[in-house]
All heavy atoms as atom14 arrays in JSON, in Angstrom:
{
  "sequence": "GRFVPGQRLVEADLTAELGVSRSLLREAFRRLSAEGVIEIVPNRGALV",
  "atom14_mask": [
    [1, 1, 1, 1, 0, 0, 0, 0, 0, 0, 0, 0, 0, 0],
    [1, 1, 1, 1, 1, 1, 1, 1, 1, 1, 1, 0, 0, 0],
    [1, 1, 1, 1, 1, 1, 1, 1, 1, 1, 1, 0, 0, 0],
    [1, 1, 1, 1, 1, 1, 1, 0, 0, 0, 0, 0, 0, 0],
    [1, 1, 1, 1, 1, 1, 1, 0, 0, 0, 0, 0, 0, 0],
    [1, 1, 1, 1, 0, 0, 0, 0, 0, 0, 0, 0, 0, 0],
    [1, 1, 1, 1, 1, 1, 1, 1, 1, 0, 0, 0, 0, 0],
    [1, 1, 1, 1, 1, 1, 1, 1, 1, 1, 1, 0, 0, 0],
    [1, 1, 1, 1, 1, 1, 1, 1, 0, 0, 0, 0, 0, 0],
    [1, 1, 1, 1, 1, 1, 1, 0, 0, 0, 0, 0, 0, 0],
    [1, 1, 1, 1, 1, 1, 1, 1, 1, 0, 0, 0, 0, 0],
    [1, 1, 1, 1, 1, 0, 0, 0, 0, 0, 0, 0, 0, 0],
    [1, 1, 1, 1, 1, 1, 1, 1, 0, 0, 0, 0, 0, 0],
    [1, 1, 1, 1, 1, 1, 1, 1, 0, 0, 0, 0, 0, 0],
    [1, 1, 1, 1, 1, 1, 1, 0, 0, 0, 0, 0, 0, 0],
    [1, 1, 1, 1, 1, 0, 0, 0, 0, 0, 0, 0, 0, 0],
    [1, 1, 1, 1, 1, 1, 1, 1, 1, 0, 0, 0, 0, 0],
    [1, 1, 1, 1, 1, 1, 1, 1, 0, 0, 0, 0, 0, 0],
    [1, 1, 1, 1, 0, 0, 0, 0, 0, 0, 0, 0, 0, 0],
    [1, 1, 1, 1, 1, 1, 1, 0, 0, 0, 0, 0, 0, 0],
    [1, 1, 1, 1, 1, 1, 0, 0, 0, 0, 0, 0, 0, 0],
    [1, 1, 1, 1, 1, 1, 1, 1, 1, 1, 1, 0, 0, 0],
    [1, 1, 1, 1, 1, 1, 0, 0, 0, 0, 0, 0, 0, 0],
    [1, 1, 1, 1, 1, 1, 1, 1, 0, 0, 0, 0, 0, 0],
    [1, 1, 1, 1, 1, 1, 1, 1, 0, 0, 0, 0, 0, 0],
    [1, 1, 1, 1, 1, 1, 1, 1, 1, 1, 1, 0, 0, 0],
    [1, 1, 1, 1, 1, 1, 1, 1, 1, 0, 0, 0, 0, 0],
    [1, 1, 1, 1, 1, 0, 0, 0, 0, 0, 0, 0, 0, 0],
    [1, 1, 1, 1, 1, 1, 1, 1, 1, 1, 1, 0, 0, 0],
    [1, 1, 1, 1, 1, 1, 1, 1, 1, 1, 1, 0, 0, 0],
    [1, 1, 1, 1, 1, 1, 1, 1, 1, 1, 1, 0, 0, 0],
    [1, 1, 1, 1, 1, 1, 1, 1, 0, 0, 0, 0, 0, 0],
    [1, 1, 1, 1, 1, 1, 0, 0, 0, 0, 0, 0, 0, 0],
    [1, 1, 1, 1, 1, 0, 0, 0, 0, 0, 0, 0, 0, 0],
    [1, 1, 1, 1, 1, 1, 1, 1, 1, 0, 0, 0, 0, 0],
    [1, 1, 1, 1, 0, 0, 0, 0, 0, 0, 0, 0, 0, 0],
    [1, 1, 1, 1, 1, 1, 1, 0, 0, 0, 0, 0, 0, 0],
    [1, 1, 1, 1, 1, 1, 1, 1, 0, 0, 0, 0, 0, 0],
    [1, 1, 1, 1, 1, 1, 1, 1, 1, 0, 0, 0, 0, 0],
    [1, 1, 1, 1, 1, 1, 1, 1, 0, 0, 0, 0, 0, 0],
    [1, 1, 1, 1, 1, 1, 1, 0, 0, 0, 0, 0, 0, 0],
    [1, 1, 1, 1, 1, 1, 1, 0, 0, 0, 0, 0, 0, 0],
    [1, 1, 1, 1, 1, 1, 1, 1, 0, 0, 0, 0, 0, 0],
    [1, 1, 1, 1, 1, 1, 1, 1, 1, 1, 1, 0, 0, 0],
    [1, 1, 1, 1, 0, 0, 0, 0, 0, 0, 0, 0, 0, 0],
    [1, 1, 1, 1, 1, 0, 0, 0, 0, 0, 0, 0, 0, 0],
    [1, 1, 1, 1, 1, 1, 1, 1, 0, 0, 0, 0, 0, 0],
    [1, 1, 1, 1, 1, 1, 1, 0, 0, 0, 0, 0, 0, 0]
  ],
  "atom14_positions": [
    [[4.68, -5.27, -12.91], [4.63, -4.01, -13.52], [3.21, -3.36, -13.46], [2.97, -2.27, -14.05], [0.0, 0.0, 0.0], [0.0, 0.0, 0.0], [0.0, 0.0, 0.0], [0.0, 0.0, 0.0], [0.0, 0.0, 0.0], [0.0, 0.0, 0.0], [0.0, 0.0, 0.0], [0.0, 0.0, 0.0], [0.0, 0.0, 0.0], [0.0, 0.0, 0.0]],
    [[2.29, -3.98, -12.73], [0.95, -3.41, -12.61], [1.1, -2.13, -11.72], [0.47, -1.08, -12.01], [0.0, -4.29, -11.98], [-1.38, -3.68, -11.74], [-2.39, -4.61, -11.13], [-3.63, -3.78, -10.82], [-4.67, -4.3, -10.23], [-4.66, -5.62, -9.88], [-5.67, -3.59, -9.91], [0.0, 0.0, 0.0], [0.0, 0.0, 0.0], [0.0, 0.0, 0.0]],
    [[1.9, -2.16, -10.62], [2.22, -1.04, -9.86], [3.68, -0.73, -10.07], [4.55, -1.54, -9.9], [1.87, -1.3, -8.34], [0.53, -1.7, -8.04], [0.25, -2.81, -7.27], [-0.55, -1.0, -8.55], [-1.01, -3.28, -6.95], [-1.82, -1.4, -8.3], [-2.1, -2.48, -7.51], [0.0, 0.0, 0.0], [0.0, 0.0, 0.0], [0.0, 0.0, 0.0]],
    [[3.95, 0.49, -10.5], [5.31, 0.81, -10.92], [6.06, 1.67, -9.85], [5.36, 2.29, -8.97], [5.33, 1.6, -12.24], [4.77, 0.71, -13.34], [4.54, 2.87, -12.22], [0.0, 0.0, 0.0], [0.0, 0.0, 0.0], [0.0, 0.0, 0.0], [0.0, 0.0, 0.0], [0.0, 0.0, 0.0], [0.0, 0.0, 0.0], [0.0, 0.0, 0.0]],
    [[7.35, 1.71, -9.87], [8.09, 2.49, -8.83], [7.66, 3.97, -8.84], [7.52, 4.55, -9.94], [9.58, 2.39, -9.29], [9.63, 0.99, -9.95], [8.27, 0.87, -10.6], [0.0, 0.0, 0.0], [0.0, 0.0, 0.0], [0.0, 0.0, 0.0], [0.0, 0.0, 0.0], [0.0, 0.0, 0.0], [0.0, 0.0, 0.0], [0.0, 0.0, 0.0]],
    [[7.3, 4.45, -7.67], [6.87, 5.82, -7.5], [5.33, 5.93, -7.51], [4.8, 7.02, -7.2], [0.0, 0.0, 0.0], [0.0, 0.0, 0.0], [0.0, 0.0, 0.0], [0.0, 0.0, 0.0], [0.0, 0.0, 0.0], [0.0, 0.0, 0.0], [0.0, 0.0, 0.0], [0.0, 0.0, 0.0], [0.0, 0.0, 0.0], [0.0, 0.0, 0.0]],
    [[4.64, 4.87, -7.83], [3.16, 4.9, -7.91], [2.54, 4.85, -6.5], [3.0, 4.05, -5.64], [2.6, 3.78, -8.73], [1.09, 3.82, -8.88], [0.61, 2.65, -9.8], [1.36, 2.17, -10.58], [-0.69, 2.4, -9.65], [0.0, 0.0, 0.0], [0.0, 0.0, 0.0], [0.0, 0.0, 0.0], [0.0, 0.0, 0.0], [0.0, 0.0, 0.0]],
    [[1.54, 5.59, -6.3], [0.77, 5.57, -5.04], [-0.14, 4.4, -5.0], [-0.87, 4.02, -5.95], [0.04, 6.84, -4.82], [-0.73, 6.93, -3.52], [-1.56, 8.18, -3.46], [-2.36, 8.24, -2.22], [-3.38, 9.16, -2.07], [-3.68, 9.98, -2.99], [-4.05, 9.12, -0.95], [0.0, 0.0, 0.0], [0.0, 0.0, 0.0], [0.0, 0.0, 0.0]],
    [[-0.2, 3.73, -3.89], [-1.08, 2.58, -3.72], [-2.36, 3.1, -2.95], [-2.24, 3.45, -1.8], [-0.45, 1.41, -2.94], [0.77, 0.84, -3.57], [1.5, -0.15, -2.69], [0.48, 0.26, -4.97], [0.0, 0.0, 0.0], [0.0, 0.0, 0.0], [0.0, 0.0, 0.0], [0.0, 0.0, 0.0], [0.0, 0.0, 0.0], [0.0, 0.0, 0.0]],
    [[-3.43, 3.16, -3.63], [-4.66, 3.8, -3.11], [-5.48, 2.78, -2.28], [-5.98, 1.75, -2.85], [-5.52, 4.37, -4.29], [-6.78, 5.1, -3.7], [-4.71, 5.3, -5.12], [0.0, 0.0, 0.0], [0.0, 0.0, 0.0], [0.0, 0.0, 0.0], [0.0, 0.0, 0.0], [0.0, 0.0, 0.0], [0.0, 0.0, 0.0], [0.0, 0.0, 0.0]],
    [[-5.59, 3.07, -0.97], [-6.27, 2.17, -0.07], [-7.67, 1.81, -0.52], [-8.07, 0.59, -0.48], [-6.27, 2.76, 1.33], [-4.9, 2.78, 1.99], [-5.0, 3.2, 3.48], [-6.14, 3.39, 3.94], [-3.95, 3.32, 4.07], [0.0, 0.0, 0.0], [0.0, 0.0, 0.0], [0.0, 0.0, 0.0], [0.0, 0.0, 0.0], [0.0, 0.0, 0.0]],
    [[-8.51, 2.85, -0.87], [-9.85, 2.61, -1.24], [-10.01, 1.67, -2.42], [-10.87, 0.77, -2.41], [-10.57, 3.92, -1.52], [0.0, 0.0, 0.0], [0.0, 0.0, 0.0], [0.0, 0.0, 0.0], [0.0, 0.0, 0.0], [0.0, 0.0, 0.0], [0.0, 0.0, 0.0], [0.0, 0.0, 0.0], [0.0, 0.0, 0.0], [0.0, 0.0, 0.0]],
    [[-9.19, 1.87, -3.41], [-9.2, 0.93, -4.59], [-8.82, -0.48, -4.22], [-9.48, -1.42, -4.64], [-8.29, 1.42, -5.66], [-8.69, 2.81, -6.23], [-9.8, 3.21, -6.01], [-7.87, 3.36, -7.02], [0.0, 0.0, 0.0], [0.0, 0.0, 0.0], [0.0, 0.0, 0.0], [0.0, 0.0, 0.0], [0.0, 0.0, 0.0], [0.0, 0.0, 0.0]],
    [[-7.8, -0.62, -3.38], [-7.3, -1.94, -3.09], [-8.26, -2.69, -2.16], [-8.48, -3.93, -2.28], [-5.92, -1.88, -2.52], [-4.79, -1.48, -3.56], [-3.47, -1.18, -2.89], [-4.66, -2.63, -4.58], [0.0, 0.0, 0.0], [0.0, 0.0, 0.0], [0.0, 0.0, 0.0], [0.0, 0.0, 0.0], [0.0, 0.0, 0.0], [0.0, 0.0, 0.0]],
    [[-8.81, -1.98, -1.16], [-9.71, -2.71, -0.3], [-10.97, -3.21, -1.0], [-11.48, -4.28, -0.71], [-10.12, -1.82, 0.92], [-10.62, -0.56, 0.43], [-8.95, -1.53, 1.86], [0.0, 0.0, 0.0], [0.0, 0.0, 0.0], [0.0, 0.0, 0.0], [0.0, 0.0, 0.0], [0.0, 0.0, 0.0], [0.0, 0.0, 0.0], [0.0, 0.0, 0.0]],
    [[-11.39, -2.39, -1.94], [-12.56, -2.76, -2.75], [-12.26, -3.93, -3.64], [-13.13, -4.94, -3.77], [-13.06, -1.58, -3.53], [0.0, 0.0, 0.0], [0.0, 0.0, 0.0], [0.0, 0.0, 0.0], [0.0, 0.0, 0.0], [0.0, 0.0, 0.0], [0.0, 0.0, 0.0], [0.0, 0.0, 0.0], [0.0, 0.0, 0.0], [0.0, 0.0, 0.0]],
    [[-11.07, -3.9, -4.26], [-10.75, -5.0, -5.2], [-10.47, -6.26, -4.52], [-10.92, -7.41, -4.96], [-9.49, -4.58, -6.01], [-9.05, -5.7, -6.95], [-7.79, -5.27, -7.73], [-7.4, -4.11, -7.68], [-7.29, -6.15, -8.48], [0.0, 0.0, 0.0], [0.0, 0.0, 0.0], [0.0, 0.0, 0.0], [0.0, 0.0, 0.0], [0.0, 0.0, 0.0]],
    [[-9.84, -6.2, -3.35], [-9.4, -7.47, -2.67], [-10.45, -7.92, -1.69], [-10.37, -9.03, -1.19], [-8.09, -7.24, -1.92], [-6.94, -6.82, -2.82], [-5.66, -6.64, -2.01], [-6.68, -7.75, -3.94], [0.0, 0.0, 0.0], [0.0, 0.0, 0.0], [0.0, 0.0, 0.0], [0.0, 0.0, 0.0], [0.0, 0.0, 0.0], [0.0, 0.0, 0.0]],
    [[-11.38, -7.09, -1.31], [-12.38, -7.47, -0.35], [-11.77, -7.68, 1.06], [-12.19, -8.62, 1.74], [0.0, 0.0, 0.0], [0.0, 0.0, 0.0], [0.0, 0.0, 0.0], [0.0, 0.0, 0.0], [0.0, 0.0, 0.0], [0.0, 0.0, 0.0], [0.0, 0.0, 0.0], [0.0, 0.0, 0.0], [0.0, 0.0, 0.0], [0.0, 0.0, 0.0]],
    [[-10.86, -6.8, 1.4], [-10.21, -6.89, 2.77], [-10.44, -5.6, 3.48], [-10.77, -4.59, 2.89], [-8.73, -7.23, 2.67], [-8.5, -8.55, 1.94], [-7.94, -6.09, 1.9], [0.0, 0.0, 0.0], [0.0, 0.0, 0.0], [0.0, 0.0, 0.0], [0.0, 0.0, 0.0], [0.0, 0.0, 0.0], [0.0, 0.0, 0.0], [0.0, 0.0, 0.0]],
    [[-10.24, -5.64, 4.78], [-10.35, -4.43, 5.61], [-9.15, -3.46, 5.38], [-8.09, -3.93, 4.97], [-10.4, -4.78, 7.04], [-9.26, -5.29, 7.51], [0.0, 0.0, 0.0], [0.0, 0.0, 0.0], [0.0, 0.0, 0.0], [0.0, 0.0, 0.0], [0.0, 0.0, 0.0], [0.0, 0.0, 0.0], [0.0, 0.0, 0.0], [0.0, 0.0, 0.0]],
    [[-9.36, -2.23, 5.73], [-8.34, -1.25, 5.6], [-7.18, -1.63, 6.59], [-6.0, -1.41, 6.29], [-8.89, 0.13, 5.88], [-7.84, 1.23, 5.77], [-8.5, 2.6, 5.53], [-9.1, 2.63, 4.19], [-9.61, 3.74, 3.65], [-9.51, 4.97, 4.28], [-10.14, 3.76, 2.46], [0.0, 0.0, 0.0], [0.0, 0.0, 0.0], [0.0, 0.0, 0.0]],
    [[-7.52, -2.14, 7.75], [-6.46, -2.45, 8.77], [-5.63, -3.65, 8.26], [-4.4, -3.57, 8.44], [-7.15, -2.86, 10.11], [-7.94, -3.96, 9.9], [0.0, 0.0, 0.0], [0.0, 0.0, 0.0], [0.0, 0.0, 0.0], [0.0, 0.0, 0.0], [0.0, 0.0, 0.0], [0.0, 0.0, 0.0], [0.0, 0.0, 0.0], [0.0, 0.0, 0.0]],
    [[-6.22, -4.57, 7.52], [-5.39, -5.7, 6.96], [-4.51, -5.17, 5.88], [-3.34, -5.56, 5.75], [-6.37, -6.77, 6.47], [-5.66, -8.07, 6.03], [-4.97, -8.72, 7.26], [-6.71, -9.03, 5.45], [0.0, 0.0, 0.0], [0.0, 0.0, 0.0], [0.0, 0.0, 0.0], [0.0, 0.0, 0.0], [0.0, 0.0, 0.0], [0.0, 0.0, 0.0]],
    [[-5.08, -4.27, 5.02], [-4.22, -3.76, 3.97], [-3.09, -2.92, 4.51], [-1.9, -3.02, 4.07], [-5.12, -2.84, 3.08], [-4.38, -2.19, 1.85], [-3.86, -3.23, 0.93], [-5.29, -1.23, 1.14], [0.0, 0.0, 0.0], [0.0, 0.0, 0.0], [0.0, 0.0, 0.0], [0.0, 0.0, 0.0], [0.0, 0.0, 0.0], [0.0, 0.0, 0.0]],
    [[-3.29, -2.07, 5.58], [-2.28, -1.34, 6.11], [-1.21, -2.19, 6.82], [0.01, -1.84, 6.73], [-2.89, -0.31, 7.15], [-3.66, 0.8, 6.48], [-4.22, 1.76, 7.5], [-4.95, 2.86, 6.82], [-5.63, 3.8, 7.48], [-5.7, 3.78, 8.77], [-6.21, 4.76, 6.74], [0.0, 0.0, 0.0], [0.0, 0.0, 0.0], [0.0, 0.0, 0.0]],
    [[-1.62, -3.33, 7.37], [-0.64, -4.25, 7.89], [0.3, -4.77, 6.8], [1.54, -4.92, 6.96], [-1.33, -5.35, 8.63], [-0.36, -6.51, 9.14], [0.66, -6.0, 10.12], [0.44, -4.95, 10.82], [1.79, -6.53, 10.19], [0.0, 0.0, 0.0], [0.0, 0.0, 0.0], [0.0, 0.0, 0.0], [0.0, 0.0, 0.0], [0.0, 0.0, 0.0]],
    [[-0.33, -5.08, 5.6], [0.47, -5.58, 4.44], [1.42, -4.48, 4.03], [2.62, -4.74, 3.65], [-0.48, -5.9, 3.31], [0.0, 0.0, 0.0], [0.0, 0.0, 0.0], [0.0, 0.0, 0.0], [0.0, 0.0, 0.0], [0.0, 0.0, 0.0], [0.0, 0.0, 0.0], [0.0, 0.0, 0.0], [0.0, 0.0, 0.0], [0.0, 0.0, 0.0]],
    [[0.91, -3.19, 3.98], [1.89, -2.06, 3.71], [3.02, -1.99, 4.65], [4.14, -1.81, 4.2], [1.03, -0.78, 3.78], [0.16, -0.52, 2.59], [-0.8, 0.56, 2.66], [0.13, -1.25, 1.49], [-1.64, 0.86, 1.58], [-0.67, -1.02, 0.37], [-1.56, 0.04, 0.48], [0.0, 0.0, 0.0], [0.0, 0.0, 0.0], [0.0, 0.0, 0.0]],
    [[2.76, -2.16, 5.93], [3.85, -2.1, 6.95], [4.86, -3.2, 6.67], [6.06, -2.98, 6.85], [3.23, -2.21, 8.36], [2.63, -0.87, 8.78], [2.32, -0.91, 10.29], [1.24, -1.88, 10.61], [-0.04, -1.5, 10.59], [-0.42, -0.23, 10.33], [-1.01, -2.39, 10.94], [0.0, 0.0, 0.0], [0.0, 0.0, 0.0], [0.0, 0.0, 0.0]],
    [[4.42, -4.38, 6.37], [5.31, -5.52, 6.13], [6.18, -5.27, 4.87], [7.38, -5.51, 4.89], [4.5, -6.81, 5.99], [3.97, -7.32, 7.32], [3.03, -8.46, 7.18], [3.67, -9.61, 6.48], [3.05, -10.78, 6.21], [1.75, -10.92, 6.57], [3.67, -11.76, 5.58], [0.0, 0.0, 0.0], [0.0, 0.0, 0.0], [0.0, 0.0, 0.0]],
    [[5.52, -4.75, 3.9], [6.34, -4.48, 2.59], [7.23, -3.3, 2.77], [8.31, -3.24, 2.15], [5.33, -4.21, 1.42], [4.61, -5.46, 0.98], [3.51, -5.12, -0.07], [5.54, -6.51, 0.36], [0.0, 0.0, 0.0], [0.0, 0.0, 0.0], [0.0, 0.0, 0.0], [0.0, 0.0, 0.0], [0.0, 0.0, 0.0], [0.0, 0.0, 0.0]],
    [[6.85, -2.35, 3.66], [7.76, -1.22, 3.95], [8.97, -1.7, 4.71], [10.09, -1.3, 4.39], [7.01, -0.18, 4.78], [7.9, 0.87, 5.17], [0.0, 0.0, 0.0], [0.0, 0.0, 0.0], [0.0, 0.0, 0.0], [0.0, 0.0, 0.0], [0.0, 0.0, 0.0], [0.0, 0.0, 0.0], [0.0, 0.0, 0.0], [0.0, 0.0, 0.0]],
    [[8.79, -2.62, 5.63], [9.91, -3.22, 6.39], [10.87, -3.99, 5.45], [12.11, -4.06, 5.67], [9.4, -4.14, 7.48], [0.0, 0.0, 0.0], [0.0, 0.0, 0.0], [0.0, 0.0, 0.0], [0.0, 0.0, 0.0], [0.0, 0.0, 0.0], [0.0, 0.0, 0.0], [0.0, 0.0, 0.0], [0.0, 0.0, 0.0], [0.0, 0.0, 0.0]],
    [[10.31, -4.56, 4.32], [11.13, -5.33, 3.41], [11.75, -4.41, 2.37], [12.48, -4.85, 1.43], [10.28, -6.37, 2.74], [9.88, -7.45, 3.73], [8.95, -8.53, 3.04], [8.93, -8.48, 1.78], [8.28, -9.32, 3.79], [0.0, 0.0, 0.0], [0.0, 0.0, 0.0], [0.0, 0.0, 0.0], [0.0, 0.0, 0.0], [0.0, 0.0, 0.0]],
    [[11.43, -3.09, 2.38], [11.99, -2.17, 1.41], [11.36, -2.08, 0.05], [11.93, -1.57, -0.89], [0.0, 0.0, 0.0], [0.0, 0.0, 0.0], [0.0, 0.0, 0.0], [0.0, 0.0, 0.0], [0.0, 0.0, 0.0], [0.0, 0.0, 0.0], [0.0, 0.0, 0.0], [0.0, 0.0, 0.0], [0.0, 0.0, 0.0], [0.0, 0.0, 0.0]],
    [[10.12, -2.66, -0.01], [9.42, -2.75, -1.26], [8.55, -1.44, -1.53], [8.5, -0.96, -2.62], [8.49, -3.95, -1.33], [7.74, -3.97, -2.62], [9.33, -5.23, -1.16], [0.0, 0.0, 0.0], [0.0, 0.0, 0.0], [0.0, 0.0, 0.0], [0.0, 0.0, 0.0], [0.0, 0.0, 0.0], [0.0, 0.0, 0.0], [0.0, 0.0, 0.0]],
    [[7.95, -0.94, -0.47], [7.23, 0.29, -0.58], [7.65, 1.26, 0.48], [8.39, 0.89, 1.4], [5.65, 0.07, -0.41], [5.38, -0.36, 1.06], [5.15, -0.98, -1.4], [3.8, -0.42, 1.34], [0.0, 0.0, 0.0], [0.0, 0.0, 0.0], [0.0, 0.0, 0.0], [0.0, 0.0, 0.0], [0.0, 0.0, 0.0], [0.0, 0.0, 0.0]],
    [[7.28, 2.57, 0.3], [7.55, 3.55, 1.28], [6.23, 4.11, 1.84], [5.33, 4.4, 0.99], [8.33, 4.65, 0.65], [9.79, 4.19, 0.28], [10.59, 5.38, -0.39], [10.47, 5.54, -1.58], [11.32, 5.99, 0.39], [0.0, 0.0, 0.0], [0.0, 0.0, 0.0], [0.0, 0.0, 0.0], [0.0, 0.0, 0.0], [0.0, 0.0, 0.0]],
    [[6.14, 4.33, 3.14], [4.94, 4.94, 3.7], [5.29, 6.37, 4.06], [6.17, 6.6, 4.95], [4.47, 4.14, 4.9], [4.07, 2.7, 4.44], [3.3, 4.87, 5.54], [3.69, 1.84, 5.62], [0.0, 0.0, 0.0], [0.0, 0.0, 0.0], [0.0, 0.0, 0.0], [0.0, 0.0, 0.0], [0.0, 0.0, 0.0], [0.0, 0.0, 0.0]],
    [[4.73, 7.29, 3.4], [4.96, 8.77, 3.62], [3.92, 9.29, 4.5], [2.72, 9.26, 4.22], [4.99, 9.48, 2.26], [5.42, 10.97, 2.54], [6.01, 8.89, 1.29], [0.0, 0.0, 0.0], [0.0, 0.0, 0.0], [0.0, 0.0, 0.0], [0.0, 0.0, 0.0], [0.0, 0.0, 0.0], [0.0, 0.0, 0.0], [0.0, 0.0, 0.0]],
    [[4.28, 9.78, 5.7], [3.35, 10.32, 6.7], [2.32, 11.37, 6.04], [2.76, 12.23, 5.29], [4.2, 11.05, 7.74], [5.45, 10.25, 7.67], [5.61, 9.97, 6.26], [0.0, 0.0, 0.0], [0.0, 0.0, 0.0], [0.0, 0.0, 0.0], [0.0, 0.0, 0.0], [0.0, 0.0, 0.0], [0.0, 0.0, 0.0], [0.0, 0.0, 0.0]],
    [[1.07, 11.12, 6.27], [0.03, 12.06, 5.8], [-0.13, 12.03, 4.23], [-0.85, 12.82, 3.7], [0.18, 13.47, 6.22], [0.3, 13.59, 7.78], [-0.54, 12.99, 8.45], [1.27, 14.35, 8.24], [0.0, 0.0, 0.0], [0.0, 0.0, 0.0], [0.0, 0.0, 0.0], [0.0, 0.0, 0.0], [0.0, 0.0, 0.0], [0.0, 0.0, 0.0]],
    [[0.56, 11.05, 3.58], [0.45, 11.06, 2.15], [0.06, 9.63, 1.62], [-0.64, 9.54, 0.65], [1.8, 11.46, 1.53], [2.23, 12.89, 1.82], [3.51, 13.32, 1.19], [3.93, 14.58, 1.58], [5.05, 15.13, 1.12], [5.84, 14.55, 0.28], [5.4, 16.41, 1.56], [0.0, 0.0, 0.0], [0.0, 0.0, 0.0], [0.0, 0.0, 0.0]],
    [[0.59, 8.56, 2.21], [0.18, 7.34, 1.88], [1.35, 6.38, 1.53], [2.5, 6.63, 1.83], [0.0, 0.0, 0.0], [0.0, 0.0, 0.0], [0.0, 0.0, 0.0], [0.0, 0.0, 0.0], [0.0, 0.0, 0.0], [0.0, 0.0, 0.0], [0.0, 0.0, 0.0], [0.0, 0.0, 0.0], [0.0, 0.0, 0.0], [0.0, 0.0, 0.0]],
    [[1.01, 5.21, 0.88], [2.05, 4.24, 0.51], [2.32, 4.36, -0.97], [1.46, 4.47, -1.83], [1.5, 2.83, 0.84], [0.0, 0.0, 0.0], [0.0, 0.0, 0.0], [0.0, 0.0, 0.0], [0.0, 0.0, 0.0], [0.0, 0.0, 0.0], [0.0, 0.0, 0.0], [0.0, 0.0, 0.0], [0.0, 0.0, 0.0], [0.0, 0.0, 0.0]],
    [[3.67, 4.33, -1.3], [4.13, 4.3, -2.68], [5.06, 3.2, -2.89], [5.9, 2.84, -2.03], [4.82, 5.68, -2.96], [3.96, 6.9, -2.84], [4.11, 7.55, -1.47], [4.36, 7.93, -3.91], [0.0, 0.0, 0.0], [0.0, 0.0, 0.0], [0.0, 0.0, 0.0], [0.0, 0.0, 0.0], [0.0, 0.0, 0.0], [0.0, 0.0, 0.0]],
    [[5.09, 2.68, -4.07], [6.11, 1.72, -4.5], [7.41, 2.35, -4.49], [7.61, 3.44, -5.01], [5.76, 1.12, -5.9], [6.85, 0.06, -6.24], [4.4, 0.52, -5.9], [0.0, 0.0, 0.0], [0.0, 0.0, 0.0], [0.0, 0.0, 0.0], [0.0, 0.0, 0.0], [0.0, 0.0, 0.0], [0.0, 0.0, 0.0], [0.0, 0.0, 0.0]]
  ]
}
């Protein structure tokens, strides 16, 4: 429940918190999108 349905996942916040590259985070987003956990909206970002 830290990230709730409809919430935007902010890349800058997560890369800083996790200490990972933006490309690695975006790959994680793509994998979770393929599993139906998040949605990637063109020009808007990733949302739960």
